[in-house]
Amino acid sequence: MLRIREIDHLVLRVRDVDAMVSFYGEVLGCPVHRIDEQNRLVQLRAGRSLIDLVPVDSEIGRAGGAPPGPEGRNVDHFCLRVDPWDAAALLAHLRAHGVEPGAVASRFGAEGRGPSIYLQDPEGNTVELKGPPDAVAG
C-alpha cells in the first residue's frame, strides 16, 4: 500500500510572479528556495514542502489553459501548517500586510480538527493556515 507522508510541493500558475513571491515570502514567510530560469519556475520553501510559481505565459503555464481569475481557479485551496500557532498574532500580521483574513474556525486537517484561517493571495488563490489539532479528551 502506498503511504503519503505530507505534501511535497504544489504548482500555482500565476500572472504576476513578483507579487506572488512578495506575498508568499514577506507575508507568509516562504522564502525563495530555487529559481529554474530554463522553465521560468520559482520555488518557495514552505517548511518541508515547496510552492512552485510558474507564469501563465511560460511553456509550463500555457499547458494549463486560461489564467486564474474570478471565473476559474487552478486550485480550490491549499493548507499550510503553522507552528507555533498564535491566532491573534497571525491575524495582526496578515492585516499589517494588507491581507484581510477570514475568521478563525475549527476545521479538519491532516492532524485532526483544529484552528485555521482562510485568506486570499494576490491572484485569488485560497490559502488555509492551519494550527495544531485540538486536544483530545480521555
N, C-alpha and C. Protein backbone atom coordinates (compact mmCIF):
# COMPACT_ATOMS: atom_id res chain seq x y z
N MET A 1 0.84 -1.19 0.00
CA MET A 1 0.00 0.00 0.00
C MET A 1 0.88 1.25 0.00
N LEU A 2 0.48 2.22 -0.75
CA LEU A 2 1.19 3.49 -0.83
C LEU A 2 0.88 4.33 0.41
N ARG A 3 1.91 4.94 1.02
CA ARG A 3 1.71 5.81 2.19
C ARG A 3 2.21 7.21 1.88
N ILE A 4 1.34 8.16 2.00
CA ILE A 4 1.70 9.56 1.78
C ILE A 4 2.06 10.18 3.12
N ARG A 5 3.24 10.81 3.19
CA ARG A 5 3.69 11.44 4.43
C ARG A 5 3.23 12.89 4.55
N GLU A 6 3.35 13.66 3.48
CA GLU A 6 2.99 15.08 3.51
C GLU A 6 2.95 15.61 2.08
N ILE A 7 2.54 16.81 1.90
CA ILE A 7 2.58 17.44 0.57
C ILE A 7 4.04 17.75 0.27
N ASP A 8 4.53 17.33 -0.88
CA ASP A 8 5.90 17.64 -1.31
C ASP A 8 5.95 19.05 -1.90
N HIS A 9 5.08 19.30 -2.86
CA HIS A 9 5.01 20.63 -3.46
C HIS A 9 3.68 20.79 -4.17
N LEU A 10 3.35 22.02 -4.48
CA LEU A 10 2.22 22.30 -5.34
C LEU A 10 2.67 23.37 -6.32
N VAL A 11 2.02 23.41 -7.45
CA VAL A 11 2.40 24.34 -8.51
C VAL A 11 1.22 25.28 -8.76
N LEU A 12 1.49 26.57 -8.67
CA LEU A 12 0.48 27.58 -8.98
C LEU A 12 0.86 28.27 -10.28
N ARG A 13 -0.08 28.34 -11.19
CA ARG A 13 0.09 29.12 -12.42
C ARG A 13 -0.31 30.54 -12.08
N VAL A 14 0.59 31.51 -12.34
CA VAL A 14 0.36 32.88 -11.87
C VAL A 14 0.55 33.90 -12.98
N ARG A 15 -0.11 35.04 -12.82
CA ARG A 15 0.04 36.16 -13.77
C ARG A 15 1.19 37.07 -13.37
N ASP A 16 1.39 37.30 -12.07
CA ASP A 16 2.40 38.25 -11.60
C ASP A 16 3.32 37.55 -10.59
N VAL A 17 4.43 37.03 -11.09
CA VAL A 17 5.36 36.27 -10.25
C VAL A 17 5.90 37.13 -9.11
N ASP A 18 6.27 38.37 -9.39
CA ASP A 18 6.84 39.23 -8.36
C ASP A 18 5.87 39.47 -7.20
N ALA A 19 4.60 39.73 -7.51
CA ALA A 19 3.61 39.94 -6.46
C ALA A 19 3.42 38.68 -5.63
N MET A 20 3.45 37.54 -6.28
CA MET A 20 3.26 36.28 -5.56
C MET A 20 4.48 35.95 -4.70
N VAL A 21 5.69 36.21 -5.22
CA VAL A 21 6.91 35.97 -4.43
C VAL A 21 6.89 36.89 -3.20
N SER A 22 6.47 38.13 -3.39
CA SER A 22 6.39 39.07 -2.27
C SER A 22 5.37 38.60 -1.23
N PHE A 23 4.18 38.19 -1.68
CA PHE A 23 3.15 37.74 -0.75
C PHE A 23 3.60 36.50 0.02
N TYR A 24 4.03 35.47 -0.69
CA TYR A 24 4.41 34.24 -0.01
C TYR A 24 5.69 34.41 0.80
N GLY A 25 6.60 35.24 0.33
CA GLY A 25 7.84 35.46 1.06
C GLY A 25 7.68 36.37 2.26
N GLU A 26 7.12 37.57 2.05
CA GLU A 26 7.03 38.56 3.11
C GLU A 26 5.86 38.34 4.05
N VAL A 27 4.71 37.95 3.52
CA VAL A 27 3.52 37.80 4.36
C VAL A 27 3.50 36.43 5.04
N LEU A 28 3.74 35.37 4.27
CA LEU A 28 3.62 34.02 4.81
C LEU A 28 4.96 33.39 5.19
N GLY A 29 6.07 34.06 4.94
CA GLY A 29 7.36 33.54 5.38
C GLY A 29 7.89 32.35 4.60
N CYS A 30 7.59 32.31 3.31
CA CYS A 30 8.07 31.24 2.43
C CYS A 30 9.14 31.82 1.50
N PRO A 31 10.41 31.72 1.87
CA PRO A 31 11.47 32.35 1.07
C PRO A 31 11.72 31.61 -0.25
N VAL A 32 12.34 32.33 -1.17
CA VAL A 32 12.73 31.70 -2.43
C VAL A 32 13.77 30.63 -2.12
N HIS A 33 13.51 29.44 -2.60
CA HIS A 33 14.40 28.29 -2.40
C HIS A 33 15.30 28.09 -3.62
N ARG A 34 14.70 28.21 -4.81
CA ARG A 34 15.43 27.96 -6.04
C ARG A 34 14.70 28.62 -7.19
N ILE A 35 15.46 29.08 -8.16
CA ILE A 35 14.88 29.63 -9.38
C ILE A 35 15.39 28.80 -10.55
N ASP A 36 14.46 28.28 -11.33
CA ASP A 36 14.78 27.50 -12.53
C ASP A 36 14.52 28.40 -13.73
N GLU A 37 15.57 29.06 -14.19
CA GLU A 37 15.45 30.01 -15.30
C GLU A 37 14.94 29.35 -16.57
N GLN A 38 15.41 28.13 -16.85
CA GLN A 38 15.02 27.44 -18.09
C GLN A 38 13.50 27.24 -18.16
N ASN A 39 12.89 26.86 -17.05
CA ASN A 39 11.44 26.62 -17.03
C ASN A 39 10.65 27.80 -16.49
N ARG A 40 11.35 28.91 -16.17
CA ARG A 40 10.71 30.11 -15.60
C ARG A 40 9.90 29.74 -14.37
N LEU A 41 10.52 28.99 -13.49
CA LEU A 41 9.87 28.45 -12.30
C LEU A 41 10.57 29.01 -11.06
N VAL A 42 9.78 29.52 -10.12
CA VAL A 42 10.31 29.98 -8.83
C VAL A 42 9.78 29.02 -7.77
N GLN A 43 10.69 28.45 -6.99
CA GLN A 43 10.29 27.55 -5.92
C GLN A 43 10.48 28.24 -4.58
N LEU A 44 9.42 28.23 -3.79
CA LEU A 44 9.43 28.83 -2.46
C LEU A 44 9.41 27.73 -1.42
N ARG A 45 10.16 27.91 -0.36
CA ARG A 45 10.23 26.92 0.72
C ARG A 45 9.08 27.18 1.68
N ALA A 46 8.25 26.17 1.92
CA ALA A 46 7.14 26.23 2.87
C ALA A 46 7.34 25.09 3.87
N GLY A 47 8.19 25.33 4.86
CA GLY A 47 8.55 24.25 5.78
C GLY A 47 9.32 23.18 5.03
N ARG A 48 8.84 21.94 5.10
CA ARG A 48 9.49 20.85 4.37
C ARG A 48 8.96 20.74 2.95
N SER A 49 8.00 21.56 2.59
CA SER A 49 7.36 21.48 1.27
C SER A 49 7.77 22.67 0.41
N LEU A 50 7.38 22.62 -0.86
CA LEU A 50 7.65 23.71 -1.79
C LEU A 50 6.36 24.19 -2.43
N ILE A 51 6.32 25.49 -2.73
CA ILE A 51 5.27 26.08 -3.55
C ILE A 51 5.98 26.58 -4.80
N ASP A 52 5.61 26.02 -5.94
CA ASP A 52 6.21 26.41 -7.21
C ASP A 52 5.31 27.42 -7.91
N LEU A 53 5.91 28.49 -8.42
CA LEU A 53 5.19 29.51 -9.16
C LEU A 53 5.65 29.48 -10.61
N VAL A 54 4.71 29.31 -11.53
CA VAL A 54 5.05 29.34 -12.96
C VAL A 54 4.18 30.39 -13.63
N PRO A 55 4.78 31.26 -14.44
CA PRO A 55 3.99 32.26 -15.15
C PRO A 55 3.04 31.59 -16.14
N VAL A 56 1.83 32.14 -16.26
CA VAL A 56 0.85 31.56 -17.18
C VAL A 56 1.30 31.65 -18.64
N ASP A 57 2.25 32.55 -18.94
CA ASP A 57 2.72 32.66 -20.32
C ASP A 57 3.99 31.85 -20.59
N SER A 58 4.41 31.02 -19.61
CA SER A 58 5.57 30.14 -19.82
C SER A 58 5.09 28.84 -20.46
N GLU A 59 6.02 28.01 -20.89
CA GLU A 59 5.64 26.73 -21.51
C GLU A 59 4.81 25.89 -20.56
N ILE A 60 5.26 25.78 -19.30
CA ILE A 60 4.50 25.00 -18.32
C ILE A 60 3.16 25.67 -18.05
N GLY A 61 3.15 26.98 -17.88
CA GLY A 61 1.93 27.71 -17.58
C GLY A 61 0.89 27.65 -18.67
N ARG A 62 1.32 27.75 -19.94
CA ARG A 62 0.38 27.69 -21.06
C ARG A 62 -0.32 26.34 -21.14
N ALA A 63 0.32 25.30 -20.68
CA ALA A 63 -0.28 23.96 -20.76
C ALA A 63 -1.53 23.85 -19.90
N GLY A 64 -1.70 24.76 -18.94
CA GLY A 64 -2.86 24.70 -18.04
C GLY A 64 -4.07 25.45 -18.52
N GLY A 65 -3.99 26.11 -19.67
CA GLY A 65 -5.15 26.83 -20.18
C GLY A 65 -5.19 28.27 -19.73
N ALA A 66 -6.42 28.77 -19.54
CA ALA A 66 -6.63 30.17 -19.18
C ALA A 66 -6.01 30.47 -17.81
N PRO A 67 -5.62 31.73 -17.59
CA PRO A 67 -5.03 32.10 -16.30
C PRO A 67 -6.08 32.08 -15.19
N PRO A 68 -5.62 32.03 -13.93
CA PRO A 68 -6.55 32.08 -12.82
C PRO A 68 -7.26 33.42 -12.79
N GLY A 69 -8.47 33.43 -12.28
CA GLY A 69 -9.24 34.65 -12.18
C GLY A 69 -10.55 34.39 -11.48
N PRO A 70 -11.42 35.39 -11.44
CA PRO A 70 -12.70 35.24 -10.73
C PRO A 70 -13.57 34.11 -11.26
N GLU A 71 -13.44 33.80 -12.56
CA GLU A 71 -14.30 32.77 -13.15
C GLU A 71 -13.73 31.37 -13.01
N GLY A 72 -12.49 31.24 -12.67
CA GLY A 72 -11.91 29.92 -12.58
C GLY A 72 -10.59 29.94 -11.83
N ARG A 73 -10.29 28.84 -11.21
CA ARG A 73 -9.07 28.72 -10.43
C ARG A 73 -8.30 27.50 -10.89
N ASN A 74 -7.04 27.48 -10.51
CA ASN A 74 -6.21 26.32 -10.78
C ASN A 74 -6.22 25.37 -9.60
N VAL A 75 -6.59 25.87 -8.43
CA VAL A 75 -6.59 25.10 -7.18
C VAL A 75 -7.78 25.61 -6.36
N ASP A 76 -8.50 24.73 -5.66
CA ASP A 76 -9.56 25.21 -4.77
C ASP A 76 -8.92 25.94 -3.60
N HIS A 77 -8.07 25.25 -2.86
CA HIS A 77 -7.26 25.87 -1.83
C HIS A 77 -6.17 24.89 -1.43
N PHE A 78 -5.17 25.40 -0.74
CA PHE A 78 -4.18 24.52 -0.14
C PHE A 78 -3.93 25.01 1.27
N CYS A 79 -3.41 24.11 2.09
CA CYS A 79 -3.28 24.38 3.50
C CYS A 79 -1.82 24.31 3.93
N LEU A 80 -1.38 25.31 4.68
CA LEU A 80 -0.04 25.35 5.24
C LEU A 80 -0.15 25.24 6.76
N ARG A 81 0.52 24.27 7.32
CA ARG A 81 0.52 24.07 8.78
C ARG A 81 1.42 25.11 9.42
N VAL A 82 0.92 25.85 10.38
CA VAL A 82 1.66 26.92 11.05
C VAL A 82 2.03 26.46 12.46
N ASP A 83 3.30 26.63 12.80
CA ASP A 83 3.78 26.23 14.12
C ASP A 83 4.89 27.20 14.54
N PRO A 84 4.77 27.92 15.61
CA PRO A 84 3.70 27.85 16.60
C PRO A 84 2.45 28.60 16.13
N TRP A 85 1.33 28.26 16.73
CA TRP A 85 0.04 28.86 16.38
C TRP A 85 -0.32 29.92 17.40
N ASP A 86 -0.52 31.14 16.94
CA ASP A 86 -0.99 32.23 17.78
C ASP A 86 -1.96 33.02 16.90
N ALA A 87 -3.24 32.71 17.02
CA ALA A 87 -4.24 33.28 16.12
C ALA A 87 -4.23 34.81 16.13
N ALA A 88 -4.17 35.42 17.30
CA ALA A 88 -4.19 36.88 17.39
C ALA A 88 -2.98 37.48 16.67
N ALA A 89 -1.82 36.91 16.89
CA ALA A 89 -0.61 37.41 16.24
C ALA A 89 -0.67 37.20 14.73
N LEU A 90 -1.20 36.05 14.30
CA LEU A 90 -1.33 35.80 12.85
C LEU A 90 -2.27 36.80 12.20
N LEU A 91 -3.42 37.03 12.83
CA LEU A 91 -4.38 37.98 12.28
C LEU A 91 -3.78 39.38 12.18
N ALA A 92 -3.07 39.80 13.22
CA ALA A 92 -2.43 41.12 13.22
C ALA A 92 -1.37 41.20 12.13
N HIS A 93 -0.58 40.15 11.98
CA HIS A 93 0.47 40.11 10.95
C HIS A 93 -0.14 40.22 9.56
N LEU A 94 -1.17 39.44 9.30
CA LEU A 94 -1.81 39.47 7.98
C LEU A 94 -2.39 40.85 7.68
N ARG A 95 -3.09 41.41 8.65
CA ARG A 95 -3.70 42.73 8.44
C ARG A 95 -2.64 43.81 8.25
N ALA A 96 -1.51 43.68 8.94
CA ALA A 96 -0.42 44.65 8.77
C ALA A 96 0.15 44.61 7.36
N HIS A 97 -0.05 43.48 6.67
CA HIS A 97 0.41 43.34 5.29
C HIS A 97 -0.72 43.56 4.28
N GLY A 98 -1.84 44.12 4.75
CA GLY A 98 -2.95 44.43 3.85
C GLY A 98 -3.78 43.23 3.45
N VAL A 99 -3.66 42.13 4.19
CA VAL A 99 -4.43 40.93 3.89
C VAL A 99 -5.58 40.85 4.88
N GLU A 100 -6.82 40.72 4.37
CA GLU A 100 -7.97 40.60 5.26
C GLU A 100 -8.33 39.12 5.39
N PRO A 101 -7.93 38.50 6.50
CA PRO A 101 -8.18 37.07 6.68
C PRO A 101 -9.63 36.80 7.06
N GLY A 102 -10.03 35.56 6.85
CA GLY A 102 -11.33 35.11 7.33
C GLY A 102 -11.27 34.85 8.82
N ALA A 103 -12.38 34.40 9.36
CA ALA A 103 -12.46 34.12 10.79
C ALA A 103 -11.68 32.86 11.14
N VAL A 104 -11.18 32.83 12.36
CA VAL A 104 -10.56 31.61 12.89
C VAL A 104 -11.70 30.63 13.15
N ALA A 105 -11.56 29.41 12.63
CA ALA A 105 -12.59 28.38 12.83
C ALA A 105 -11.91 27.04 13.00
N SER A 106 -12.61 26.12 13.61
CA SER A 106 -12.09 24.77 13.78
C SER A 106 -12.43 23.97 12.52
N ARG A 107 -11.39 23.43 11.89
CA ARG A 107 -11.57 22.66 10.66
C ARG A 107 -10.72 21.40 10.72
N PHE A 108 -11.10 20.43 9.93
CA PHE A 108 -10.38 19.16 9.93
C PHE A 108 -9.20 19.25 8.97
N GLY A 109 -8.06 18.69 9.38
CA GLY A 109 -6.87 18.64 8.54
C GLY A 109 -6.13 17.34 8.77
N ALA A 110 -4.92 17.26 8.27
CA ALA A 110 -4.14 16.02 8.30
C ALA A 110 -3.90 15.51 9.71
N GLU A 111 -3.82 16.42 10.69
CA GLU A 111 -3.56 16.02 12.07
C GLU A 111 -4.83 15.96 12.92
N GLY A 112 -5.98 16.22 12.32
CA GLY A 112 -7.24 16.23 13.04
C GLY A 112 -7.86 17.62 13.04
N ARG A 113 -8.89 17.79 13.83
CA ARG A 113 -9.61 19.06 13.88
C ARG A 113 -8.82 20.06 14.72
N GLY A 114 -8.75 21.29 14.21
CA GLY A 114 -8.05 22.34 14.91
C GLY A 114 -8.30 23.69 14.26
N PRO A 115 -7.73 24.75 14.80
CA PRO A 115 -7.99 26.09 14.29
C PRO A 115 -7.36 26.33 12.92
N SER A 116 -8.05 27.15 12.13
CA SER A 116 -7.47 27.54 10.84
C SER A 116 -8.05 28.87 10.41
N ILE A 117 -7.36 29.48 9.47
CA ILE A 117 -7.75 30.77 8.91
C ILE A 117 -7.64 30.67 7.39
N TYR A 118 -8.65 31.15 6.70
CA TYR A 118 -8.59 31.24 5.24
C TYR A 118 -8.23 32.67 4.84
N LEU A 119 -7.47 32.79 3.75
CA LEU A 119 -7.13 34.09 3.18
C LEU A 119 -6.91 33.92 1.69
N GLN A 120 -6.79 35.03 0.99
CA GLN A 120 -6.57 35.01 -0.45
C GLN A 120 -5.19 35.58 -0.76
N ASP A 121 -4.48 34.94 -1.71
CA ASP A 121 -3.22 35.51 -2.17
C ASP A 121 -3.53 36.57 -3.22
N PRO A 122 -2.53 37.27 -3.76
CA PRO A 122 -2.79 38.37 -4.69
C PRO A 122 -3.52 37.96 -5.97
N GLU A 123 -3.52 36.67 -6.32
CA GLU A 123 -4.19 36.25 -7.54
C GLU A 123 -5.47 35.47 -7.27
N GLY A 124 -5.97 35.55 -6.04
CA GLY A 124 -7.25 34.96 -5.72
C GLY A 124 -7.23 33.51 -5.28
N ASN A 125 -6.03 32.91 -5.14
CA ASN A 125 -5.96 31.54 -4.64
C ASN A 125 -6.26 31.55 -3.14
N THR A 126 -7.04 30.59 -2.69
CA THR A 126 -7.37 30.49 -1.28
C THR A 126 -6.29 29.68 -0.57
N VAL A 127 -5.75 30.27 0.50
CA VAL A 127 -4.73 29.63 1.32
C VAL A 127 -5.32 29.43 2.71
N GLU A 128 -5.18 28.24 3.25
CA GLU A 128 -5.61 27.96 4.62
C GLU A 128 -4.36 27.86 5.48
N LEU A 129 -4.33 28.60 6.58
CA LEU A 129 -3.27 28.49 7.57
C LEU A 129 -3.83 27.66 8.72
N LYS A 130 -3.16 26.56 9.06
CA LYS A 130 -3.70 25.57 9.99
C LYS A 130 -2.85 25.48 11.24
N GLY A 131 -3.53 25.44 12.38
CA GLY A 131 -2.87 25.28 13.66
C GLY A 131 -2.85 23.82 14.09
N PRO A 132 -2.45 23.58 15.34
CA PRO A 132 -2.35 22.21 15.83
C PRO A 132 -3.73 21.60 16.07
N PRO A 133 -3.78 20.29 16.15
CA PRO A 133 -5.06 19.65 16.42
C PRO A 133 -5.53 20.00 17.83
N ASP A 134 -6.85 20.04 17.98
CA ASP A 134 -7.41 20.27 19.31
C ASP A 134 -7.03 19.12 20.22
N ALA A 135 -6.91 19.38 21.51
CA ALA A 135 -6.61 18.33 22.48
C ALA A 135 -7.76 17.33 22.53
N VAL A 136 -7.43 16.06 22.56
CA VAL A 136 -8.44 15.01 22.58
C VAL A 136 -8.65 14.59 24.03
N ALA A 137 -9.89 14.60 24.48
CA ALA A 137 -10.20 14.21 25.86
C ALA A 137 -10.04 12.70 26.02
N GLY A 138 -9.59 12.30 27.19
CA GLY A 138 -9.52 10.89 27.54
C GLY A 138 -8.31 10.27 27.05
